[in-house]
PDB file of N, CA and C in Angstrom:
ATOM      1  N   MET A   1       0.849  -1.185   0.000  1.00  0.00           N
ATOM      2  CA  MET A   1       0.000   0.000   0.000  1.00  0.00           C
ATOM      3  C   MET A   1       0.888   1.239   0.000  1.00  0.00           C
ATOM      4  N   LYS A   2       1.102   1.787  -1.169  1.00  0.00           N
ATOM      5  CA  LYS A   2       1.909   3.000  -1.255  1.00  0.00           C
ATOM      6  C   LYS A   2       1.111   4.061  -2.001  1.00  0.00           C
ATOM      7  N   ASN A   3       0.695   5.050  -1.267  1.00  0.00           N
ATOM      8  CA  ASN A   3       0.014   6.186  -1.859  1.00  0.00           C
ATOM      9  C   ASN A   3       0.942   7.382  -1.741  1.00  0.00           C
ATOM     10  N   THR A   4       1.251   7.985  -2.858  1.00  0.00           N
ATOM     11  CA  THR A   4       2.126   9.143  -2.845  1.00  0.00           C
ATOM     12  C   THR A   4       1.309  10.385  -3.151  1.00  0.00           C
ATOM     13  N   LEU A   5       1.416  11.375  -2.290  1.00  0.00           N
ATOM     14  CA  LEU A   5       0.741  12.653  -2.481  1.00  0.00           C
ATOM     15  C   LEU A   5       1.788  13.670  -2.909  1.00  0.00           C
ATOM     16  N   THR A   6       1.597  14.270  -4.061  1.00  0.00           N
ATOM     17  CA  THR A   6       2.567  15.231  -4.583  1.00  0.00           C
ATOM     18  C   THR A   6       2.043  16.664  -4.432  1.00  0.00           C
ATOM     19  N   LYS A   7       2.931  17.620  -4.688  1.00  0.00           N
ATOM     20  CA  LYS A   7       2.511  19.026  -4.655  1.00  0.00           C
ATOM     21  C   LYS A   7       1.397  19.264  -5.662  1.00  0.00           C
ATOM     22  N   LYS A   8       1.501  18.610  -6.809  1.00  0.00           N
ATOM     23  CA  LYS A   8       0.476  18.756  -7.844  1.00  0.00           C
ATOM     24  C   LYS A   8      -0.877  18.255  -7.337  1.00  0.00           C
ATOM     25  N   ASP A   9      -0.876  17.132  -6.616  1.00  0.00           N
ATOM     26  CA  ASP A   9      -2.118  16.593  -6.056  1.00  0.00           C
ATOM     27  C   ASP A   9      -2.742  17.564  -5.052  1.00  0.00           C
ATOM     28  N   ILE A  10      -1.902  18.155  -4.215  1.00  0.00           N
ATOM     29  CA  ILE A  10      -2.401  19.119  -3.222  1.00  0.00           C
ATOM     30  C   ILE A  10      -2.966  20.344  -3.925  1.00  0.00           C
ATOM     31  N   ALA A  11      -2.255  20.833  -4.936  1.00  0.00           N
ATOM     32  CA  ALA A  11      -2.728  22.002  -5.684  1.00  0.00           C
ATOM     33  C   ALA A  11      -4.056  21.706  -6.363  1.00  0.00           C
ATOM     34  N   LEU A  12      -4.200  20.521  -6.915  1.00  0.00           N
ATOM     35  CA  LEU A  12      -5.455  20.136  -7.569  1.00  0.00           C
ATOM     36  C   LEU A  12      -6.593  20.093  -6.560  1.00  0.00           C
ATOM     37  N   ALA A  13      -6.336  19.526  -5.388  1.00  0.00           N
ATOM     38  CA  ALA A  13      -7.365  19.472  -4.341  1.00  0.00           C
ATOM     39  C   ALA A  13      -7.747  20.872  -3.882  1.00  0.00           C
ATOM     40  N   LEU A  14      -6.744  21.765  -3.741  1.00  0.00           N
ATOM     41  CA  LEU A  14      -7.037  23.153  -3.356  1.00  0.00           C
ATOM     42  C   LEU A  14      -7.878  23.852  -4.414  1.00  0.00           C
ATOM     43  N   SER A  15      -7.544  23.644  -5.676  1.00  0.00           N
ATOM     44  CA  SER A  15      -8.277  24.338  -6.741  1.00  0.00           C
ATOM     45  C   SER A  15      -9.722  23.840  -6.852  1.00  0.00           C
ATOM     46  N   LYS A  16      -9.977  22.603  -6.402  1.00  0.00           N
ATOM     47  CA  LYS A  16     -11.334  22.047  -6.460  1.00  0.00           C
ATOM     48  C   LYS A  16     -12.144  22.314  -5.196  1.00  0.00           C
ATOM     49  N   ALA A  17     -11.488  22.836  -4.145  1.00  0.00           N
ATOM     50  CA  ALA A  17     -12.196  23.114  -2.895  1.00  0.00           C
ATOM     51  C   ALA A  17     -13.236  24.206  -3.129  1.00  0.00           C
ATOM     52  N   GLU A  18     -14.413  23.993  -2.573  1.00  0.00           N
ATOM     53  CA  GLU A  18     -15.519  24.928  -2.805  1.00  0.00           C
ATOM     54  C   GLU A  18     -15.288  26.308  -2.208  1.00  0.00           C
ATOM     55  N   ASN A  19     -14.634  26.359  -1.040  1.00  0.00           N
ATOM     56  CA  ASN A  19     -14.469  27.647  -0.353  1.00  0.00           C
ATOM     57  C   ASN A  19     -13.211  28.396  -0.785  1.00  0.00           C
ATOM     58  N   ILE A  20     -12.453  27.844  -1.741  1.00  0.00           N
ATOM     59  CA  ILE A  20     -11.240  28.506  -2.218  1.00  0.00           C
ATOM     60  C   ILE A  20     -11.385  28.726  -3.718  1.00  0.00           C
ATOM     61  N   ASN A  21     -11.204  29.959  -4.139  1.00  0.00           N
ATOM     62  CA  ASN A  21     -11.377  30.312  -5.542  1.00  0.00           C
ATOM     63  C   ASN A  21     -10.008  30.530  -6.177  1.00  0.00           C
ATOM     64  N   LEU A  22      -9.319  29.408  -6.488  1.00  0.00           N
ATOM     65  CA  LEU A  22      -8.000  29.482  -7.105  1.00  0.00           C
ATOM     66  C   LEU A  22      -7.947  28.559  -8.315  1.00  0.00           C
ATOM     67  N   THR A  23      -7.183  28.980  -9.315  1.00  0.00           N
ATOM     68  CA  THR A  23      -6.920  28.065 -10.427  1.00  0.00           C
ATOM     69  C   THR A  23      -5.892  27.048  -9.949  1.00  0.00           C
ATOM     70  N   GLN A  24      -5.692  26.001 -10.727  1.00  0.00           N
ATOM     71  CA  GLN A  24      -4.723  24.985 -10.346  1.00  0.00           C
ATOM     72  C   GLN A  24      -3.310  25.575 -10.307  1.00  0.00           C
ATOM     73  N   THR A  25      -3.005  26.475 -11.230  1.00  0.00           N
ATOM     74  CA  THR A  25      -1.685  27.117 -11.255  1.00  0.00           C
ATOM     75  C   THR A  25      -1.485  27.998 -10.032  1.00  0.00           C
ATOM     76  N   GLU A  26      -2.506  28.766  -9.667  1.00  0.00           N
ATOM     77  CA  GLU A  26      -2.414  29.618  -8.473  1.00  0.00           C
ATOM     78  C   GLU A  26      -2.266  28.763  -7.215  1.00  0.00           C
ATOM     79  N   ALA A  27      -3.021  27.680  -7.147  1.00  0.00           N
ATOM     80  CA  ALA A  27      -2.941  26.787  -5.989  1.00  0.00           C
ATOM     81  C   ALA A  27      -1.548  26.165  -5.900  1.00  0.00           C
ATOM     82  N   TYR A  28      -0.972  25.770  -7.027  1.00  0.00           N
ATOM     83  CA  TYR A  28       0.379  25.206  -7.041  1.00  0.00           C
ATOM     84  C   TYR A  28       1.379  26.228  -6.519  1.00  0.00           C
ATOM     85  N   ASP A  29       1.225  27.490  -6.942  1.00  0.00           N
ATOM     86  CA  ASP A  29       2.118  28.554  -6.470  1.00  0.00           C
ATOM     87  C   ASP A  29       1.992  28.748  -4.962  1.00  0.00           C
ATOM     88  N   VAL A  30       0.776  28.650  -4.435  1.00  0.00           N
ATOM     89  CA  VAL A  30       0.554  28.775  -2.988  1.00  0.00           C
ATOM     90  C   VAL A  30       1.260  27.639  -2.248  1.00  0.00           C
ATOM     91  N   VAL A  31       1.104  26.423  -2.746  1.00  0.00           N
ATOM     92  CA  VAL A  31       1.742  25.263  -2.113  1.00  0.00           C
ATOM     93  C   VAL A  31       3.259  25.411  -2.160  1.00  0.00           C
ATOM     94  N   GLN A  32       3.786  25.800  -3.325  1.00  0.00           N
ATOM     95  CA  GLN A  32       5.234  25.962  -3.478  1.00  0.00           C
ATOM     96  C   GLN A  32       5.760  27.055  -2.547  1.00  0.00           C
ATOM     97  N   THR A  33       5.048  28.154  -2.432  1.00  0.00           N
ATOM     98  CA  THR A  33       5.460  29.250  -1.557  1.00  0.00           C
ATOM     99  C   THR A  33       5.429  28.825  -0.098  1.00  0.00           C
ATOM    100  N   MET A  34       4.379  28.097   0.289  1.00  0.00           N
ATOM    101  CA  MET A  34       4.275  27.622   1.667  1.00  0.00           C
ATOM    102  C   MET A  34       5.439  26.689   2.006  1.00  0.00           C
ATOM    103  N   LEU A  35       5.760  25.768   1.122  1.00  0.00           N
ATOM    104  CA  LEU A  35       6.869  24.846   1.360  1.00  0.00           C
ATOM    105  C   LEU A  35       8.211  25.583   1.440  1.00  0.00           C
ATOM    106  N   ALA A  36       8.380  26.602   0.618  1.00  0.00           N
ATOM    107  CA  ALA A  36       9.613  27.393   0.660  1.00  0.00           C
ATOM    108  C   ALA A  36       9.733  28.130   1.996  1.00  0.00           C
ATOM    109  N   ILE A  37       8.634  28.682   2.473  1.00  0.00           N
ATOM    110  CA  ILE A  37       8.633  29.387   3.764  1.00  0.00           C
ATOM    111  C   ILE A  37       8.956  28.407   4.893  1.00  0.00           C
ATOM    112  N   LEU A  38       8.301  27.243   4.887  1.00  0.00           N
ATOM    113  CA  LEU A  38       8.552  26.246   5.928  1.00  0.00           C
ATOM    114  C   LEU A  38      10.009  25.783   5.898  1.00  0.00           C
ATOM    115  N   SER A  39      10.548  25.536   4.722  1.00  0.00           N
ATOM    116  CA  SER A  39      11.952  25.119   4.599  1.00  0.00           C
ATOM    117  C   SER A  39      12.893  26.171   5.151  1.00  0.00           C
ATOM    118  N   ASP A  40      12.663  27.429   4.774  1.00  0.00           N
ATOM    119  CA  ASP A  40      13.513  28.517   5.262  1.00  0.00           C
ATOM    120  C   ASP A  40      13.452  28.629   6.779  1.00  0.00           C
ATOM    121  N   GLU A  41      12.263  28.509   7.335  1.00  0.00           N
ATOM    122  CA  GLU A  41      12.118  28.611   8.789  1.00  0.00           C
ATOM    123  C   GLU A  41      12.804  27.451   9.499  1.00  0.00           C
ATOM    124  N   LEU A  42      12.703  26.247   8.955  1.00  0.00           N
ATOM    125  CA  LEU A  42      13.391  25.104   9.559  1.00  0.00           C
ATOM    126  C   LEU A  42      14.903  25.286   9.506  1.00  0.00           C
ATOM    127  N   VAL A  43      15.408  25.793   8.397  1.00  0.00           N
ATOM    128  CA  VAL A  43      16.847  26.059   8.281  1.00  0.00           C
ATOM    129  C   VAL A  43      17.281  27.072   9.337  1.00  0.00           C
ATOM    130  N   ASN A  44      16.416  28.003   9.662  1.00  0.00           N
ATOM    131  CA  ASN A  44      16.720  29.016  10.684  1.00  0.00           C
ATOM    132  C   ASN A  44      16.457  28.508  12.102  1.00  0.00           C
ATOM    133  N   GLY A  45      16.067  27.245  12.240  1.00  0.00           N
ATOM    134  CA  GLY A  45      15.889  26.646  13.560  1.00  0.00           C
ATOM    135  C   GLY A  45      14.521  26.836  14.177  1.00  0.00           C
ATOM    136  N   ALA A  46      13.534  27.192  13.378  1.00  0.00           N
ATOM    137  CA  ALA A  46      12.188  27.441  13.913  1.00  0.00           C
ATOM    138  C   ALA A  46      11.495  26.151  14.323  1.00  0.00           C
ATOM    139  N   HIS A  47      10.598  26.280  15.257  1.00  0.00           N
ATOM    140  CA  HIS A  47       9.704  25.221  15.717  1.00  0.00           C
ATOM    141  C   HIS A  47       8.382  25.490  15.009  1.00  0.00           C
ATOM    142  N   ILE A  48       7.930  24.557  14.164  1.00  0.00           N
ATOM    143  CA  ILE A  48       6.713  24.779  13.376  1.00  0.00           C
ATOM    144  C   ILE A  48       5.606  23.888  13.918  1.00  0.00           C
ATOM    145  N   GLU A  49       4.498  24.519  14.273  1.00  0.00           N
ATOM    146  CA  GLU A  49       3.393  23.784  14.889  1.00  0.00           C
ATOM    147  C   GLU A  49       2.097  24.033  14.129  1.00  0.00           C
ATOM    148  N   PHE A  50       1.454  22.941  13.727  1.00  0.00           N
ATOM    149  CA  PHE A  50       0.127  23.003  13.115  1.00  0.00           C
ATOM    150  C   PHE A  50      -0.829  22.292  14.052  1.00  0.00           C
ATOM    151  N   ARG A  51      -1.748  23.026  14.646  1.00  0.00           N
ATOM    152  CA  ARG A  51      -2.717  22.433  15.568  1.00  0.00           C
ATOM    153  C   ARG A  51      -3.482  21.318  14.872  1.00  0.00           C
ATOM    154  N   ASP A  52      -3.769  20.274  15.586  1.00  0.00           N
ATOM    155  CA  ASP A  52      -4.488  19.100  15.091  1.00  0.00           C
ATOM    156  C   ASP A  52      -3.762  18.365  13.964  1.00  0.00           C
ATOM    157  N   PHE A  53      -2.489  18.702  13.724  1.00  0.00           N
ATOM    158  CA  PHE A  53      -1.698  17.961  12.738  1.00  0.00           C
ATOM    159  C   PHE A  53      -0.397  17.476  13.356  1.00  0.00           C
ATOM    160  N   GLY A  54       0.442  18.418  13.801  1.00  0.00           N
ATOM    161  CA  GLY A  54       1.687  18.003  14.428  1.00  0.00           C
ATOM    162  C   GLY A  54       2.713  19.116  14.495  1.00  0.00           C
ATOM    163  N   VAL A  55       3.918  18.743  14.914  1.00  0.00           N
ATOM    164  CA  VAL A  55       5.002  19.697  15.148  1.00  0.00           C
ATOM    165  C   VAL A  55       6.251  19.233  14.403  1.00  0.00           C
ATOM    166  N   PHE A  56       6.913  20.175  13.761  1.00  0.00           N
ATOM    167  CA  PHE A  56       8.193  19.924  13.107  1.00  0.00           C
ATOM    168  C   PHE A  56       9.273  20.634  13.916  1.00  0.00           C
ATOM    169  N   ASP A  57      10.327  19.901  14.267  1.00  0.00           N
ATOM    170  CA  ASP A  57      11.444  20.472  15.015  1.00  0.00           C
ATOM    171  C   ASP A  57      12.754  20.092  14.349  1.00  0.00           C
ATOM    172  N   VAL A  58      13.734  20.981  14.439  1.00  0.00           N
ATOM    173  CA  VAL A  58      15.078  20.688  13.959  1.00  0.00           C
ATOM    174  C   VAL A  58      15.843  20.038  15.106  1.00  0.00           C
ATOM    175  N   VAL A  59      16.481  18.905  14.821  1.00  0.00           N
ATOM    176  CA  VAL A  59      17.252  18.198  15.836  1.00  0.00           C
ATOM    177  C   VAL A  59      18.665  17.954  15.318  1.00  0.00           C
ATOM    178  N   LEU A  60      19.617  17.934  16.238  1.00  0.00           N
ATOM    179  CA  LEU A  60      20.995  17.617  15.886  1.00  0.00           C
ATOM    180  C   LEU A  60      21.220  16.143  16.178  1.00  0.00           C
ATOM    181  N   ARG A  61      21.508  15.403  15.153  1.00  0.00           N
ATOM    182  CA  ARG A  61      21.794  13.972  15.317  1.00  0.00           C
ATOM    183  C   ARG A  61      23.295  13.838  15.572  1.00  0.00           C
ATOM    184  N   LYS A  62      23.638  13.157  16.662  1.00  0.00           N
ATOM    185  CA  LYS A  62      25.040  13.074  17.058  1.00  0.00           C
ATOM    186  C   LYS A  62      25.843  12.197  16.097  1.00  0.00           C
ATOM    187  N   ALA A  63      27.139  12.426  16.086  1.00  0.00           N
ATOM    188  CA  ALA A  63      28.041  11.629  15.265  1.00  0.00           C
ATOM    189  C   ALA A  63      28.047  10.199  15.785  1.00  0.00           C
ATOM    190  N   ARG A  64      28.236   9.252  14.872  1.00  0.00           N
ATOM    191  CA  ARG A  64      28.249   7.852  15.289  1.00  0.00           C
ATOM    192  C   ARG A  64      29.075   7.047  14.296  1.00  0.00           C
ATOM    193  N   ILE A  65      29.286   5.805  14.639  1.00  0.00           N
ATOM    194  CA  ILE A  65      30.002   4.894  13.759  1.00  0.00           C
ATOM    195  C   ILE A  65      28.996   3.916  13.181  1.00  0.00           C
ATOM    196  N   GLY A  66      28.996   3.803  11.866  1.00  0.00           N
ATOM    197  CA  GLY A  66      28.092   2.890  11.191  1.00  0.00           C
ATOM    198  C   GLY A  66      28.864   1.767  10.519  1.00  0.00           C
ATOM    199  N   ARG A  67      28.141   0.881   9.917  1.00  0.00           N
ATOM    200  CA  ARG A  67      28.759  -0.247   9.213  1.00  0.00           C
ATOM    201  C   ARG A  67      28.258  -0.285   7.773  1.00  0.00           C
ATOM    202  N   ASN A  68      29.161  -0.649   6.874  1.00  0.00           N
ATOM    203  CA  ASN A  68      28.807  -0.824   5.480  1.00  0.00           C
ATOM    204  C   ASN A  68      28.176  -2.215   5.346  1.00  0.00           C
ATOM    205  N   PRO A  69      26.921  -2.318   4.896  1.00  0.00           N
ATOM    206  CA  PRO A  69      26.284  -3.630   4.805  1.00  0.00           C
ATOM    207  C   PRO A  69      26.993  -4.583   3.832  1.00  0.00           C
ATOM    208  N   ASN A  70      27.699  -4.025   2.849  1.00  0.00           N
ATOM    209  CA  ASN A  70      28.417  -4.866   1.889  1.00  0.00           C
ATOM    210  C   ASN A  70      29.759  -5.339   2.431  1.00  0.00           C
ATOM    211  N   GLN A  71      30.289  -4.609   3.405  1.00  0.00           N
ATOM    212  CA  GLN A  71      31.553  -4.969   4.049  1.00  0.00           C
ATOM    213  C   GLN A  71      31.376  -4.778   5.554  1.00  0.00           C
ATOM    214  N   PRO A  72      30.753  -5.729   6.248  1.00  0.00           N
ATOM    215  CA  PRO A  72      30.405  -5.560   7.662  1.00  0.00           C
ATOM    216  C   PRO A  72      31.589  -5.265   8.577  1.00  0.00           C
ATOM    217  N   ASP A  73      32.797  -5.641   8.171  1.00  0.00           N
ATOM    218  CA  ASP A  73      33.969  -5.368   9.005  1.00  0.00           C
ATOM    219  C   ASP A  73      34.432  -3.919   8.903  1.00  0.00           C
ATOM    220  N   ALA A  74      34.007  -3.223   7.860  1.00  0.00           N
ATOM    221  CA  ALA A  74      34.447  -1.838   7.649  1.00  0.00           C
ATOM    222  C   ALA A  74      33.552  -0.879   8.424  1.00  0.00           C
ATOM    223  N   GLU A  75      34.174  -0.078   9.289  1.00  0.00           N
ATOM    224  CA  GLU A  75      33.424   0.940  10.029  1.00  0.00           C
ATOM    225  C   GLU A  75      33.428   2.235   9.233  1.00  0.00           C
ATOM    226  N   VAL A  76      32.324   2.940   9.306  1.00  0.00           N
ATOM    227  CA  VAL A  76      32.177   4.201   8.590  1.00  0.00           C
ATOM    228  C   VAL A  76      31.806   5.276   9.608  1.00  0.00           C
ATOM    229  N   ASP A  77      32.565   6.375   9.613  1.00  0.00           N
ATOM    230  CA  ASP A  77      32.232   7.496  10.494  1.00  0.00           C
ATOM    231  C   ASP A  77      31.080   8.278   9.879  1.00  0.00           C
ATOM    232  N   ILE A  78      30.017   8.430  10.651  1.00  0.00           N
ATOM    233  CA  ILE A  78      28.871   9.227  10.224  1.00  0.00           C
ATOM    234  C   ILE A  78      28.909  10.518  11.048  1.00  0.00           C
ATOM    235  N   PRO A  79      29.124  11.662  10.397  1.00  0.00           N
ATOM    236  CA  PRO A  79      29.263  12.914  11.141  1.00  0.00           C
ATOM    237  C   PRO A  79      27.936  13.390  11.739  1.00  0.00           C
ATOM    238  N   ALA A  80      28.031  14.277  12.709  1.00  0.00           N
ATOM    239  CA  ALA A  80      26.831  14.893  13.283  1.00  0.00           C
ATOM    240  C   ALA A  80      26.151  15.703  12.181  1.00  0.00           C
ATOM    241  N   ARG A  81      24.837  15.712  12.229  1.00  0.00           N
ATOM    242  CA  ARG A  81      24.103  16.466  11.208  1.00  0.00           C
ATOM    243  C   ARG A  81      22.743  16.879  11.757  1.00  0.00           C
ATOM    244  N   TYR A  82      22.172  17.865  11.111  1.00  0.00           N
ATOM    245  CA  TYR A  82      20.839  18.313  11.482  1.00  0.00           C
ATOM    246  C   TYR A  82      19.803  17.546  10.689  1.00  0.00           C
ATOM    247  N   GLY A  83      18.667  17.308  11.315  1.00  0.00           N
ATOM    248  CA  GLY A  83      17.547  16.652  10.663  1.00  0.00           C
ATOM    249  C   GLY A  83      16.254  17.270  11.160  1.00  0.00           C
ATOM    250  N   VAL A  84      15.167  16.847  10.581  1.00  0.00           N
ATOM    251  CA  VAL A  84      13.843  17.341  10.969  1.00  0.00           C
ATOM    252  C   VAL A  84      13.072  16.191  11.595  1.00  0.00           C
ATOM    253  N   LYS A  85      12.497  16.466  12.753  1.00  0.00           N
ATOM    254  CA  LYS A  85      11.695  15.479  13.463  1.00  0.00           C
ATOM    255  C   LYS A  85      10.236  15.926  13.408  1.00  0.00           C
ATOM    256  N   PHE A  86       9.343  14.991  13.159  1.00  0.00           N
ATOM    257  CA  PHE A  86       7.908  15.283  13.143  1.00  0.00           C
ATOM    258  C   PHE A  86       7.244  14.519  14.268  1.00  0.00           C
ATOM    259  N   LYS A  87       6.435  15.226  15.046  1.00  0.00           N
ATOM    260  CA  LYS A  87       5.665  14.579  16.102  1.00  0.00           C
ATOM    261  C   LYS A  87       4.191  14.846  15.814  1.00  0.00           C
ATOM    262  N   PRO A  88       3.422  13.799  15.532  1.00  0.00           N
ATOM    263  CA  PRO A  88       2.009  14.004  15.225  1.00  0.00           C
ATOM    264  C   PRO A  88       1.221  14.457  16.454  1.00  0.00           C
ATOM    265  N   SER A  89       0.158  15.210  16.204  1.00  0.00           N
ATOM    266  CA  SER A  89      -0.712  15.668  17.292  1.00  0.00           C
ATOM    267  C   SER A  89      -1.544  14.497  17.808  1.00  0.00           C
ATOM    268  N   LYS A  90      -2.172  14.704  18.958  1.00  0.00           N
ATOM    269  CA  LYS A  90      -3.063  13.672  19.505  1.00  0.00           C
ATOM    270  C   LYS A  90      -4.212  13.390  18.538  1.00  0.00           C
ATOM    271  N   ALA A  91      -4.750  14.446  17.929  1.00  0.00           N
ATOM    272  CA  ALA A  91      -5.869  14.265  17.002  1.00  0.00           C
ATOM    273  C   ALA A  91      -5.445  13.392  15.818  1.00  0.00           C
ATOM    274  N   LEU A  92      -4.260  13.630  15.274  1.00  0.00           N
ATOM    275  CA  LEU A  92      -3.776  12.828  14.155  1.00  0.00           C
ATOM    276  C   LEU A  92      -3.478  11.394  14.605  1.00  0.00           C
ATOM    277  N   GLN A  93      -2.912  11.244  15.785  1.00  0.00           N
ATOM    278  CA  GLN A  93      -2.641   9.904  16.308  1.00  0.00           C
ATOM    279  C   GLN A  93      -3.931   9.110  16.475  1.00  0.00           C
ATOM    280  N   GLU A  94      -4.980   9.776  16.935  1.00  0.00           N
ATOM    281  CA  GLU A  94      -6.269   9.104  17.106  1.00  0.00           C
ATOM    282  C   GLU A  94      -6.852   8.680  15.758  1.00  0.00           C
ATOM    283  N   LYS A  95      -6.727   9.546  14.750  1.00  0.00           N
ATOM    284  CA  LYS A  95      -7.210   9.193  13.415  1.00  0.00           C
ATOM    285  C   LYS A  95      -6.440   8.004  12.858  1.00  0.00           C
ATOM    286  N   LEU A  96      -5.129   7.990  13.082  1.00  0.00           N
ATOM    287  CA  LEU A  96      -4.307   6.875  12.597  1.00  0.00           C
ATOM    288  C   LEU A  96      -4.636   5.581  13.333  1.00  0.00           C
ATOM    289  N   ALA A  97      -4.966   5.682  14.620  1.00  0.00           N
ATOM    290  CA  ALA A  97      -5.306   4.495  15.400  1.00  0.00           C
ATOM    291  C   ALA A  97      -6.613   3.876  14.917  1.00  0.00           C
ATOM    292  N   GLN A  98      -7.515   4.692  14.391  1.00  0.00           N
ATOM    293  CA  GLN A  98      -8.798   4.192  13.886  1.00  0.00           C
ATOM    294  C   GLN A  98      -8.663   3.519  12.531  1.00  0.00           C
ATOM    295  N   LYS A  99      -7.582   3.804  11.812  1.00  0.00           N
ATOM    296  CA  LYS A  99      -7.375   3.244  10.497  1.00  0.00           C
ATOM    297  C   LYS A  99      -7.022   1.758  10.604  1.00  0.00           C
ATOM    298  N   LYS A 100      -7.623   0.969   9.776  1.00  0.00           N
ATOM    299  CA  LYS A 100      -7.321  -0.481   9.804  1.00  0.00           C
ATOM    300  C   LYS A 100      -7.016  -0.979   8.450  1.00  0.00           C
TER     301      LYS A 100
END
């Protein structure tokens, strides 16, 4: 079960929404602009919260030693890096729990 939702799909859904009067191109531009704003804010270390959806936080993943699956004896240094963590809201968790 793999369903992929793309920016184009979101823009199409926005353009078909009854309470929003946008063409598909305008809706795509809105989605693209929103994603650019969110990306910029995450790069700047912002905490992004959408009520009833979830929270995005920037986290520093510590350096560690990994292994190459093709050469298990070879150790690989994995440097510290920043990543994005998502924590779903209680409302979203409840919706997911109802899904079967």
